[in-house]
């Protein structure tokens, strides 16, 4: 597995459970060639994001780690940034502050509702309506030019929020927006361990993405060191089965590819 990357993990700076060295050590054990730390940045007041007062510390600590990575595992400076459509200038300024290799754009909120963790509003609207609203935000995130990667593409299903009707046309429409925006999609393996019990995105969406020509990268969404590289063997097998032959990697916001 030495050619693989894991581009999505969280440390004590946001809602992770450990420090950089612990994740790096597990990456060595998993024989990964490259990892990226992506602590949360969000404009909402939550307890799982990097606090603004800690931005300078995050910047200096992670930049130092990236500049002094070991030969066996290279380290990349990433961020996972929540998209808010009316606050793009604020997001652009925050991203510009950090010397990032890549930025994951994610949608965790519909309005002020953090649907990712707050179950209280499920059932207020048809699930089809939630899917429409969610993927509308994903499309706007892709078009914003802020991000290099769209994270956990179909996160709306996380808590077993399944659509009432087939959403294939909505998925395809959104994938075409990603293609037009020349943005990478993440295969986020954490979904296997969530209530939905499957990758983000699903195999069906991966098949569509392969056909449309969306570049792909890998992320475990690790919140503890033992989750680094989780389910990657299964992920690589699925990617090959649906037609992917390459994984995207980043440095200084420029892309290259690894053959799988």
Protein backbone atom coordinates (compact mmCIF):
# COMPACT_ATOMS: atom_id res chain seq x y z
CA UNK A 1 0.00 0.00 0.00
CA UNK A 2 3.09 2.25 -0.06
CA UNK A 3 1.85 4.37 -2.98
CA UNK A 4 -1.33 5.49 -1.24
CA UNK A 5 -2.30 8.81 0.33
CA UNK A 6 -4.67 9.61 3.18
CA UNK A 7 -5.73 13.21 2.79
CA UNK A 8 -8.36 13.58 5.52
CA UNK A 9 -7.60 13.46 9.25
CA UNK A 10 -8.32 15.52 12.36
CA UNK A 11 -6.11 16.21 15.36
CA UNK A 12 -6.51 17.89 18.74
CA UNK A 13 -6.65 21.24 16.96
CA UNK A 14 -10.27 20.41 16.05
CA UNK A 15 -12.18 17.27 17.01
CA UNK A 16 -9.46 14.65 16.70
CA UNK A 17 -8.15 12.57 19.59
CA UNK A 18 -4.39 12.87 19.24
CA UNK A 19 -1.37 14.80 17.98
CA UNK A 20 0.48 14.78 14.65
CA UNK A 21 3.18 12.24 15.64
CA UNK A 22 0.63 9.60 16.64
CA UNK A 23 -1.12 9.81 13.26
CA UNK A 24 2.21 9.81 11.46
CA UNK A 25 3.30 6.66 13.28
CA UNK A 26 0.15 4.82 12.26
CA UNK A 27 0.62 6.00 8.67
CA UNK A 28 4.03 4.31 8.75
CA UNK A 29 2.47 1.12 10.06
CA UNK A 30 -0.11 1.24 7.22
CA UNK A 31 2.77 1.81 4.75
CA UNK A 32 1.21 5.00 3.38
CA UNK A 33 3.44 7.22 1.27
CA UNK A 34 1.70 10.52 2.00
CA UNK A 35 -0.77 11.97 4.51
CA UNK A 36 -2.50 15.29 4.94
CA UNK A 37 -3.85 16.88 8.11
CA UNK A 38 -7.19 18.65 7.60
CA UNK A 39 -8.50 20.09 10.82
CA UNK A 40 -11.93 21.71 10.61
CA UNK A 41 -12.41 25.37 9.78
CA UNK A 42 -15.97 26.65 10.09
CA UNK A 43 -17.53 30.07 10.45
CA UNK A 44 -20.20 28.74 12.80
CA UNK A 45 -19.60 28.67 16.56
CA UNK A 46 -19.04 24.99 17.29
CA UNK A 47 -16.79 22.97 19.55
CA UNK A 48 -15.29 20.81 16.79
CA UNK A 49 -13.45 23.45 14.75
CA UNK A 50 -10.07 25.16 15.06
CA UNK A 51 -10.57 28.33 17.08
CA UNK A 52 -9.51 31.54 15.37
CA UNK A 53 -7.12 32.32 18.22
CA UNK A 54 -5.32 29.06 17.39
CA UNK A 55 -4.85 29.80 13.67
CA UNK A 56 -1.24 31.04 14.12
CA UNK A 57 -0.30 28.00 16.21
CA UNK A 58 -1.84 25.60 13.70
CA UNK A 59 -0.07 27.39 10.86
CA UNK A 60 3.37 27.27 12.44
CA UNK A 61 3.14 23.75 13.85
CA UNK A 62 1.84 22.14 10.69
CA UNK A 63 4.14 24.11 8.39
CA UNK A 64 7.10 22.99 10.49
CA UNK A 65 5.96 19.38 10.30
CA UNK A 66 5.48 19.56 6.52
CA UNK A 67 8.92 21.10 6.04
CA UNK A 68 10.59 18.42 8.14
CA UNK A 69 8.71 15.29 7.13
CA UNK A 70 10.44 11.96 7.21
CA UNK A 71 11.54 10.24 4.03
CA UNK A 72 9.10 7.37 4.44
CA UNK A 73 5.87 9.38 4.87
CA UNK A 74 5.45 12.82 3.34
CA UNK A 75 3.16 15.27 5.12
CA UNK A 76 0.81 17.72 3.44
CA UNK A 77 -0.86 20.84 4.89
CA UNK A 78 -4.60 20.58 4.32
CA UNK A 79 -7.76 22.12 5.71
CA UNK A 80 -11.36 20.96 5.78
CA UNK A 81 -13.41 24.11 5.34
CA UNK A 82 -17.20 24.36 5.63
CA UNK A 83 -18.85 26.08 2.71
CA UNK A 84 -21.31 28.94 3.33
CA UNK A 85 -22.61 30.49 0.15
CA UNK A 86 -22.98 34.06 1.39
CA UNK A 87 -19.61 34.14 3.15
CA UNK A 88 -17.20 33.21 0.40
CA UNK A 89 -14.99 36.29 0.88
CA UNK A 90 -14.46 35.40 4.54
CA UNK A 91 -13.57 31.86 3.60
CA UNK A 92 -11.18 33.05 0.90
CA UNK A 93 -9.34 35.26 3.40
CA UNK A 94 -8.98 32.43 5.92
CA UNK A 95 -7.68 29.99 3.31
CA UNK A 96 -5.20 32.58 2.03
CA UNK A 97 -3.72 32.87 5.53
CA UNK A 98 -2.56 29.25 5.55
CA UNK A 99 0.22 27.85 3.30
CA UNK A 100 -1.94 24.93 2.22
CA UNK A 101 -1.22 22.09 -0.17
CA UNK A 102 -4.96 21.52 -0.67
CA UNK A 103 -8.35 22.46 0.77
CA UNK A 104 -11.30 20.11 1.21
CA UNK A 105 -14.64 21.84 0.82
CA UNK A 106 -17.43 20.25 2.84
CA UNK A 107 -21.10 20.89 3.50
CA UNK A 108 -22.10 20.13 7.09
CA UNK A 109 -24.82 22.78 7.40
CA UNK A 110 -28.13 23.48 5.71
CA UNK A 111 -28.68 27.06 6.80
CA UNK A 112 -27.75 27.04 10.50
CA UNK A 113 -28.64 23.36 10.93
CA UNK A 114 -25.66 21.06 11.37
CA UNK A 115 -27.34 18.00 9.91
CA UNK A 116 -24.13 16.01 10.33
CA UNK A 117 -24.57 15.67 14.10
CA UNK A 118 -27.96 17.17 14.99
CA UNK A 119 -30.81 14.73 14.34
CA UNK A 120 -33.55 17.01 15.68
CA UNK A 121 -34.81 18.35 12.33
CA UNK A 122 -34.89 15.13 10.37
CA UNK A 123 -38.48 14.44 9.39
CA UNK A 124 -39.43 18.11 9.17
CA UNK A 125 -38.98 17.97 5.38
CA UNK A 126 -39.12 15.08 2.90
CA UNK A 127 -35.70 13.51 2.52
CA UNK A 128 -35.82 14.27 -1.20
CA UNK A 129 -35.98 17.96 -0.28
CA UNK A 130 -32.97 17.60 2.00
CA UNK A 131 -31.05 15.95 -0.85
CA UNK A 132 -31.98 18.77 -3.20
CA UNK A 133 -30.86 21.42 -0.72
CA UNK A 134 -27.69 19.57 0.19
CA UNK A 135 -26.50 18.96 -3.36
CA UNK A 136 -27.35 22.54 -4.29
CA UNK A 137 -24.79 23.60 -1.69
CA UNK A 138 -22.25 21.06 -2.95
CA UNK A 139 -22.63 22.49 -6.45
CA UNK A 140 -22.13 26.03 -5.18
CA UNK A 141 -19.07 24.93 -3.21
CA UNK A 142 -17.59 23.40 -6.34
CA UNK A 143 -18.27 26.52 -8.38
CA UNK A 144 -16.83 28.86 -5.74
CA UNK A 145 -13.22 28.25 -6.71
CA UNK A 146 -12.27 27.99 -3.04
CA UNK A 147 -11.58 24.29 -2.88
CA UNK A 148 -9.40 21.59 -4.42
CA UNK A 149 -11.48 18.64 -3.19
CA UNK A 150 -15.14 18.07 -2.39
CA UNK A 151 -15.31 16.05 0.82
CA UNK A 152 -17.67 13.14 1.56
CA UNK A 153 -19.80 13.87 -1.51
CA UNK A 154 -23.09 12.37 -0.25
CA UNK A 155 -22.72 13.11 3.46
CA UNK A 156 -26.47 13.82 3.72
CA UNK A 157 -27.03 10.04 3.99
CA UNK A 158 -24.74 9.68 7.05
CA UNK A 159 -27.50 9.19 9.65
CA UNK A 160 -29.48 6.89 7.33
CA UNK A 161 -31.32 9.74 5.65
CA UNK A 162 -32.24 7.90 2.46
CA UNK A 163 -34.15 9.62 -0.37
CA UNK A 164 -37.74 8.64 -1.05
CA UNK A 165 -37.07 8.55 -4.80
CA UNK A 166 -34.17 7.86 -7.13
CA UNK A 167 -31.74 10.80 -7.12
CA UNK A 168 -29.54 9.67 -10.01
CA UNK A 169 -30.24 12.78 -12.05
CA UNK A 170 -29.28 15.01 -9.10
CA UNK A 171 -26.05 13.08 -8.56
CA UNK A 172 -25.17 13.29 -12.23
CA UNK A 173 -25.96 17.00 -12.38
CA UNK A 174 -23.70 17.61 -9.37
CA UNK A 175 -20.89 15.47 -10.77
CA UNK A 176 -20.99 17.43 -14.01
CA UNK A 177 -20.60 20.63 -11.99
CA UNK A 178 -17.51 19.13 -10.34
CA UNK A 179 -16.14 18.19 -13.75
CA UNK A 180 -16.74 21.66 -15.16
CA UNK A 181 -15.10 23.20 -12.09
CA UNK A 182 -12.12 20.81 -12.46
CA UNK A 183 -12.35 19.77 -8.83
CA UNK A 184 -11.39 16.46 -7.25
CA UNK A 185 -13.84 14.19 -5.44
CA UNK A 186 -12.86 12.39 -2.25
CA UNK A 187 -13.57 8.74 -1.61
CA UNK A 188 -14.09 9.06 2.14
CA UNK A 189 -13.88 5.64 3.76
CA UNK A 190 -15.34 6.68 7.12
CA UNK A 191 -18.89 6.01 5.92
CA UNK A 192 -18.45 2.29 6.53
CA UNK A 193 -18.29 3.09 10.26
CA UNK A 194 -21.24 5.52 10.23
CA UNK A 195 -24.94 4.60 10.49
CA UNK A 196 -25.24 4.61 6.67
CA UNK A 197 -22.72 1.75 6.47
CA UNK A 198 -21.18 2.62 3.09
CA UNK A 199 -18.49 4.81 1.61
CA UNK A 200 -18.95 8.48 0.82
CA UNK A 201 -19.86 8.40 -2.01
CA UNK A 202 -21.73 5.20 -2.77
CA UNK A 203 -20.57 2.71 -5.39
CA UNK A 204 -23.33 3.91 -7.70
CA UNK A 205 -22.02 7.48 -7.55
CA UNK A 206 -18.43 6.29 -8.00
CA UNK A 207 -19.51 4.49 -11.17
CA UNK A 208 -21.08 7.70 -12.46
CA UNK A 209 -18.02 9.74 -11.47
CA UNK A 210 -15.70 7.35 -13.30
CA UNK A 211 -17.81 7.55 -16.43
CA UNK A 212 -17.94 11.36 -16.31
CA UNK A 213 -14.20 11.62 -15.65
CA UNK A 214 -14.03 13.08 -12.14
CA UNK A 215 -10.56 12.77 -10.55
CA UNK A 216 -10.54 11.00 -7.19
CA UNK A 217 -8.48 11.00 -4.02
CA UNK A 218 -8.58 9.07 -0.74
CA UNK A 219 -9.37 10.12 2.82
CA UNK A 220 -10.09 8.11 5.96
CA UNK A 221 -11.58 11.05 7.88
CA UNK A 222 -9.56 9.76 10.83
CA UNK A 223 -10.35 11.27 14.21
CA UNK A 224 -7.94 8.96 16.02
CA UNK A 225 -4.64 7.43 14.88
CA UNK A 226 -5.96 3.89 14.51
CA UNK A 227 -8.42 5.12 11.88
CA UNK A 228 -5.68 6.24 9.49
CA UNK A 229 -6.02 4.38 6.18
CA UNK A 230 -9.14 2.54 7.36
CA UNK A 231 -10.86 0.33 4.78
CA UNK A 232 -8.37 1.38 2.09
CA UNK A 233 -7.99 -2.12 0.65
CA UNK A 234 -11.73 -2.29 0.04
CA UNK A 235 -11.72 1.25 -1.32
CA UNK A 236 -8.98 0.56 -3.86
CA UNK A 237 -10.72 -2.63 -4.99
CA UNK A 238 -13.97 -0.74 -5.53
CA UNK A 239 -12.24 2.09 -7.40
CA UNK A 240 -10.62 -0.38 -9.78
CA UNK A 241 -13.88 -2.24 -10.29
CA UNK A 242 -15.74 0.91 -11.36
CA UNK A 243 -12.99 2.07 -13.70
CA UNK A 244 -10.61 4.35 -11.80
CA UNK A 245 -6.93 3.85 -12.51
CA UNK A 246 -5.38 6.84 -10.70
CA UNK A 247 -5.44 8.65 -7.36
CA UNK A 248 -4.89 12.41 -7.18
CA UNK A 249 -2.21 13.88 -4.92
CA UNK A 250 -1.40 17.51 -4.08
CA UNK A 251 1.50 19.81 -3.27
CA UNK A 252 1.22 23.61 -3.12
CA UNK A 253 -2.31 23.30 -4.58
CA UNK A 254 -0.97 21.59 -7.71
CA UNK A 255 -2.09 18.12 -8.70
CA UNK A 256 -0.34 14.98 -9.81
CA UNK A 257 -1.49 11.36 -10.04
CA UNK A 258 -0.60 7.94 -8.70
CA UNK A 259 -1.45 4.82 -10.69
CA UNK A 260 -3.37 2.26 -8.63
